[in-house]
N, C-alpha and C. Protein backbone atom coordinates (compact mmCIF):
# COMPACT_ATOMS: atom_id res chain seq x y z
N MET A 1 0.76 -1.31 -0.09
CA MET A 1 0.12 0.27 -0.07
C MET A 1 0.82 1.33 -0.08
N CYS A 2 0.30 2.15 -0.68
CA CYS A 2 1.21 3.35 -0.67
C CYS A 2 0.79 4.37 0.53
N GLU A 3 1.73 4.98 1.28
CA GLU A 3 1.11 5.57 2.46
C GLU A 3 1.56 6.95 2.29
N MET A 4 1.24 7.96 2.78
CA MET A 4 1.27 9.59 2.64
C MET A 4 2.75 9.64 3.52
N ALA A 5 3.50 10.38 2.96
CA ALA A 5 4.77 10.95 3.93
C ALA A 5 4.32 11.97 4.53
N ARG A 6 5.18 11.70 5.95
CA ARG A 6 5.01 12.61 6.99
C ARG A 6 5.53 13.92 6.60
N GLU A 7 4.86 15.12 7.07
CA GLU A 7 5.14 16.20 6.57
C GLU A 7 6.74 16.68 6.44
N ASP A 8 7.33 16.32 7.59
CA ASP A 8 8.86 16.24 7.61
C ASP A 8 9.35 15.87 6.61
N GLU A 9 8.58 14.84 5.77
CA GLU A 9 9.58 13.90 4.87
C GLU A 9 9.42 14.59 3.55
N ARG A 10 8.36 15.10 3.32
CA ARG A 10 7.81 15.75 1.83
C ARG A 10 9.00 16.61 1.33
N ILE A 11 8.98 16.44 -0.05
CA ILE A 11 9.93 17.53 -0.60
C ILE A 11 9.21 18.33 -1.56
N SER A 12 9.47 19.49 -1.37
CA SER A 12 8.61 20.36 -2.52
C SER A 12 9.33 20.48 -3.76
N ALA A 13 8.73 21.00 -4.49
CA ALA A 13 9.38 21.67 -6.16
C ALA A 13 10.68 22.41 -5.96
N SER A 14 10.33 23.38 -5.02
CA SER A 14 11.36 24.44 -4.90
C SER A 14 12.83 23.65 -4.20
N GLU A 15 12.48 22.77 -3.22
CA GLU A 15 13.63 22.15 -2.64
C GLU A 15 14.29 21.42 -3.63
N ILE A 16 13.63 20.76 -4.59
CA ILE A 16 14.20 19.96 -5.70
C ILE A 16 15.23 20.97 -6.49
N SER A 17 14.31 22.03 -6.77
CA SER A 17 15.31 23.15 -7.63
C SER A 17 16.53 23.51 -6.76
N GLU A 18 16.38 23.77 -5.53
CA GLU A 18 17.67 24.38 -4.99
C GLU A 18 18.64 23.23 -4.78
N TYR A 19 17.98 21.98 -4.73
CA TYR A 19 19.21 20.71 -4.64
C TYR A 19 19.82 21.06 -5.81
N LEU A 20 19.02 20.85 -7.38
CA LEU A 20 20.03 21.00 -8.40
C LEU A 20 20.62 22.10 -8.67
N PHE A 21 20.36 23.24 -8.26
CA PHE A 21 21.41 24.49 -8.40
C PHE A 21 22.37 24.11 -7.51
N CYS A 22 22.46 23.99 -6.55
CA CYS A 22 23.52 23.78 -5.50
C CYS A 22 23.47 22.82 -4.46
N ASN A 23 23.80 21.52 -4.50
CA ASN A 23 23.17 20.57 -3.39
C ASN A 23 23.99 20.78 -1.96
N VAL A 24 25.08 21.50 -2.22
CA VAL A 24 25.58 21.98 -0.53
C VAL A 24 24.73 22.95 0.13
N SER A 25 24.22 23.78 -0.60
CA SER A 25 23.68 24.93 0.02
C SER A 25 22.19 24.13 0.53
N TRP A 26 21.54 23.24 -0.25
CA TRP A 26 20.30 22.51 0.30
C TRP A 26 20.73 21.74 1.40
N TYR A 27 21.70 21.23 1.40
CA TYR A 27 22.21 20.50 2.54
C TYR A 27 22.10 21.26 3.55
N LEU A 28 23.09 22.51 3.73
CA LEU A 28 23.16 23.19 4.64
C LEU A 28 21.81 23.81 5.25
N ASP A 29 21.23 24.34 4.45
CA ASP A 29 19.55 24.87 4.67
C ASP A 29 19.03 23.77 5.42
N LYS A 30 19.04 22.44 5.07
CA LYS A 30 18.39 21.58 5.58
C LYS A 30 18.93 21.32 7.16
N GLU A 31 19.98 21.57 7.24
CA GLU A 31 20.92 21.17 8.56
C GLU A 31 20.71 22.63 9.42
N GLY A 32 20.01 23.40 8.81
CA GLY A 32 19.75 24.82 9.83
C GLY A 32 21.06 25.46 9.72
N ALA A 33 21.69 25.47 8.86
CA ALA A 33 23.21 26.63 8.93
C ALA A 33 22.55 27.96 8.60
N PRO A 34 23.42 28.98 9.14
CA PRO A 34 22.56 30.49 8.87
C PRO A 34 22.95 30.80 7.93
N ARG A 35 22.09 31.71 7.20
CA ARG A 35 21.90 32.20 5.96
C ARG A 35 22.71 33.26 5.87
N SER A 36 23.27 33.53 4.70
CA SER A 36 23.92 34.87 4.51
C SER A 36 22.97 35.94 4.56
N LYS A 37 23.55 37.54 4.74
CA LYS A 37 22.50 38.39 4.87
C LYS A 37 21.89 38.61 3.81
N HIS A 38 22.64 38.54 2.52
CA HIS A 38 21.98 38.55 1.19
C HIS A 38 20.98 37.93 0.75
N SER A 39 21.70 36.55 1.06
CA SER A 39 20.55 35.26 1.09
C SER A 39 19.05 35.52 1.50
N SER A 40 19.10 35.94 2.91
CA SER A 40 18.22 36.26 3.85
C SER A 40 17.12 37.36 3.22
N ALA A 41 17.92 38.28 2.87
CA ALA A 41 17.06 39.31 2.28
C ALA A 41 16.51 39.07 1.00
N ARG A 42 17.15 38.21 -0.01
CA ARG A 42 16.29 37.57 -1.08
C ARG A 42 15.03 36.78 -0.62
N MET A 43 15.26 36.00 0.38
CA MET A 43 14.04 35.12 0.90
C MET A 43 13.25 35.71 1.35
N GLN A 44 13.25 36.91 2.16
CA GLN A 44 12.34 37.63 2.69
C GLN A 44 11.47 38.66 1.29
N SER A 45 12.27 38.80 0.40
CA SER A 45 11.69 39.51 -0.71
C SER A 45 10.57 38.83 -1.14
N GLY A 46 11.35 37.33 -1.60
CA GLY A 46 10.40 36.21 -2.17
C GLY A 46 9.21 36.22 -1.55
N VAL A 47 9.15 35.89 0.01
CA VAL A 47 8.10 35.44 0.79
C VAL A 47 7.03 36.61 0.54
N ARG A 48 7.49 38.10 0.62
CA ARG A 48 6.43 39.37 0.34
C ARG A 48 6.03 39.26 -0.90
N SER A 49 6.86 38.90 -1.94
CA SER A 49 6.22 38.85 -3.11
C SER A 49 4.95 37.79 -3.64
N HIS A 50 5.55 36.73 -2.74
CA HIS A 50 4.47 35.41 -2.76
C HIS A 50 3.14 35.87 -2.34
N ALA A 51 3.32 36.62 -0.98
CA ALA A 51 2.07 36.91 -0.37
C ALA A 51 1.40 37.97 -1.06
N ALA A 52 1.97 38.91 -1.47
CA ALA A 52 1.02 39.90 -2.30
C ALA A 52 0.54 39.06 -3.72
N LEU A 53 1.12 38.55 -4.31
CA LEU A 53 0.53 37.42 -5.48
C LEU A 53 -0.85 36.62 -4.93
N ARG A 54 -0.64 36.10 -3.66
CA ARG A 54 -1.49 35.39 -3.11
C ARG A 54 -2.86 36.45 -2.73
N ARG A 55 -2.60 37.55 -2.24
CA ARG A 55 -3.58 38.23 -2.03
C ARG A 55 -4.37 38.79 -3.57
N ASN A 56 -3.83 39.19 -4.25
CA ASN A 56 -4.09 39.26 -5.73
C ASN A 56 -5.06 38.37 -6.33
N TYR A 57 -4.33 37.14 -6.31
CA TYR A 57 -5.09 36.08 -6.59
C TYR A 57 -6.50 35.84 -6.20
N ARG A 58 -6.55 36.05 -4.93
CA ARG A 58 -7.73 35.79 -4.03
C ARG A 58 -8.72 36.90 -4.42
N ALA A 59 -8.15 38.00 -4.50
CA ALA A 59 -9.05 39.20 -4.98
C ALA A 59 -9.58 38.68 -6.27
N THR A 60 -8.83 38.56 -7.38
CA THR A 60 -9.52 38.15 -8.92
C THR A 60 -10.39 37.12 -8.68
N GLY A 61 -10.31 36.10 -7.98
CA GLY A 61 -10.86 35.01 -7.86
C GLY A 61 -12.32 35.38 -7.22
N LYS A 62 -12.27 36.30 -6.47
CA LYS A 62 -13.58 36.69 -5.78
C LYS A 62 -14.61 37.64 -6.81
N ALA A 63 -13.72 38.35 -7.57
CA ALA A 63 -14.29 39.16 -8.23
C ALA A 63 -14.87 38.37 -9.79
N ILE A 64 -14.68 37.27 -9.89
CA ILE A 64 -14.73 36.21 -11.05
C ILE A 64 -16.22 35.84 -10.90
N TYR A 65 -16.17 35.46 -9.54
CA TYR A 65 -17.41 34.57 -8.97
C TYR A 65 -18.38 35.65 -8.91
N VAL A 66 -18.02 36.89 -8.45
CA VAL A 66 -19.34 38.00 -8.45
C VAL A 66 -19.73 38.33 -9.91
N THR A 67 -18.75 38.26 -11.24
CA THR A 67 -19.29 38.51 -12.49
C THR A 67 -19.96 37.59 -12.62
N VAL A 68 -19.54 36.41 -12.68
CA VAL A 68 -20.42 35.25 -12.99
C VAL A 68 -21.57 35.14 -12.28
N GLY A 69 -21.73 35.39 -11.22
CA GLY A 69 -22.96 35.50 -10.52
C GLY A 69 -24.02 36.75 -11.09
N ALA A 70 -23.49 37.83 -11.39
CA ALA A 70 -24.23 38.57 -11.99
C ALA A 70 -24.55 38.26 -13.27
N LEU A 71 -23.57 37.73 -14.18
CA LEU A 71 -24.13 37.31 -15.46
C LEU A 71 -25.71 36.36 -15.51
N LEU A 72 -25.35 35.24 -14.20
CA LEU A 72 -26.04 34.26 -14.29
C LEU A 72 -27.67 35.05 -13.90
N ILE A 73 -27.71 36.16 -13.01
CA ILE A 73 -29.02 36.73 -12.85
C ILE A 73 -29.68 37.24 -13.71
N THR A 74 -28.55 38.01 -14.44
CA THR A 74 -28.87 38.83 -15.84
C THR A 74 -29.89 37.67 -16.68
N VAL A 75 -29.08 36.81 -16.99
CA VAL A 75 -29.73 35.73 -18.04
C VAL A 75 -30.90 34.97 -17.34
N ALA A 76 -30.79 34.83 -16.30
CA ALA A 76 -32.39 34.64 -15.52
C ALA A 76 -33.72 35.50 -15.79
N LEU A 77 -33.22 36.86 -15.54
CA LEU A 77 -34.15 37.92 -15.57
C LEU A 77 -34.30 38.21 -16.84
N ILE A 78 -33.86 37.83 -17.93
CA ILE A 78 -34.14 37.97 -19.36
C ILE A 78 -34.95 36.95 -19.75
N LEU A 79 -34.61 35.71 -19.31
CA LEU A 79 -35.39 34.33 -19.64
C LEU A 79 -37.07 34.85 -18.98
N TYR A 80 -37.03 34.99 -18.02
CA TYR A 80 -38.21 35.46 -17.13
C TYR A 80 -39.04 36.27 -18.02
N TYR A 81 -38.39 37.49 -18.34
CA TYR A 81 -38.99 38.55 -19.38
C TYR A 81 -39.59 37.94 -20.24
N VAL A 82 -38.60 37.10 -21.23
CA VAL A 82 -39.17 36.45 -22.46
C VAL A 82 -40.13 35.66 -22.22
N MET A 83 -40.26 34.77 -21.05
CA MET A 83 -41.43 33.72 -20.91
C MET A 83 -42.66 34.61 -20.29
N THR A 84 -42.59 35.78 -19.80
CA THR A 84 -43.90 36.42 -19.29
C THR A 84 -44.59 37.03 -21.05
N LEU A 85 -43.49 37.51 -21.76
CA LEU A 85 -44.27 37.81 -23.28
C LEU A 85 -44.90 36.86 -24.06
N VAL A 86 -44.47 35.66 -23.90
CA VAL A 86 -45.11 34.08 -24.46
C VAL A 86 -46.36 33.95 -23.78
N ILE A 87 -46.25 34.03 -22.78
CA ILE A 87 -47.77 33.40 -22.28
C ILE A 87 -48.70 34.72 -22.14
């Protein structure tokens, strides 16, 4: 049977990418070695960028749901109007 890996055993796509780029850096990161100031700054910048992208994605998703909902209501009202003309 296939069992799910524990959270600490899972490897993300970014970890694979980091390992392929520099396996020593990946190993040191896994072992908890301190990062350089430049590396830490880049990491924090990436975290902030991803957070902004996540907020924008969620806002866009909500806007799409509202637009589709309004469109469905409009179509329903048009169909109701047409049906009342026919009857």
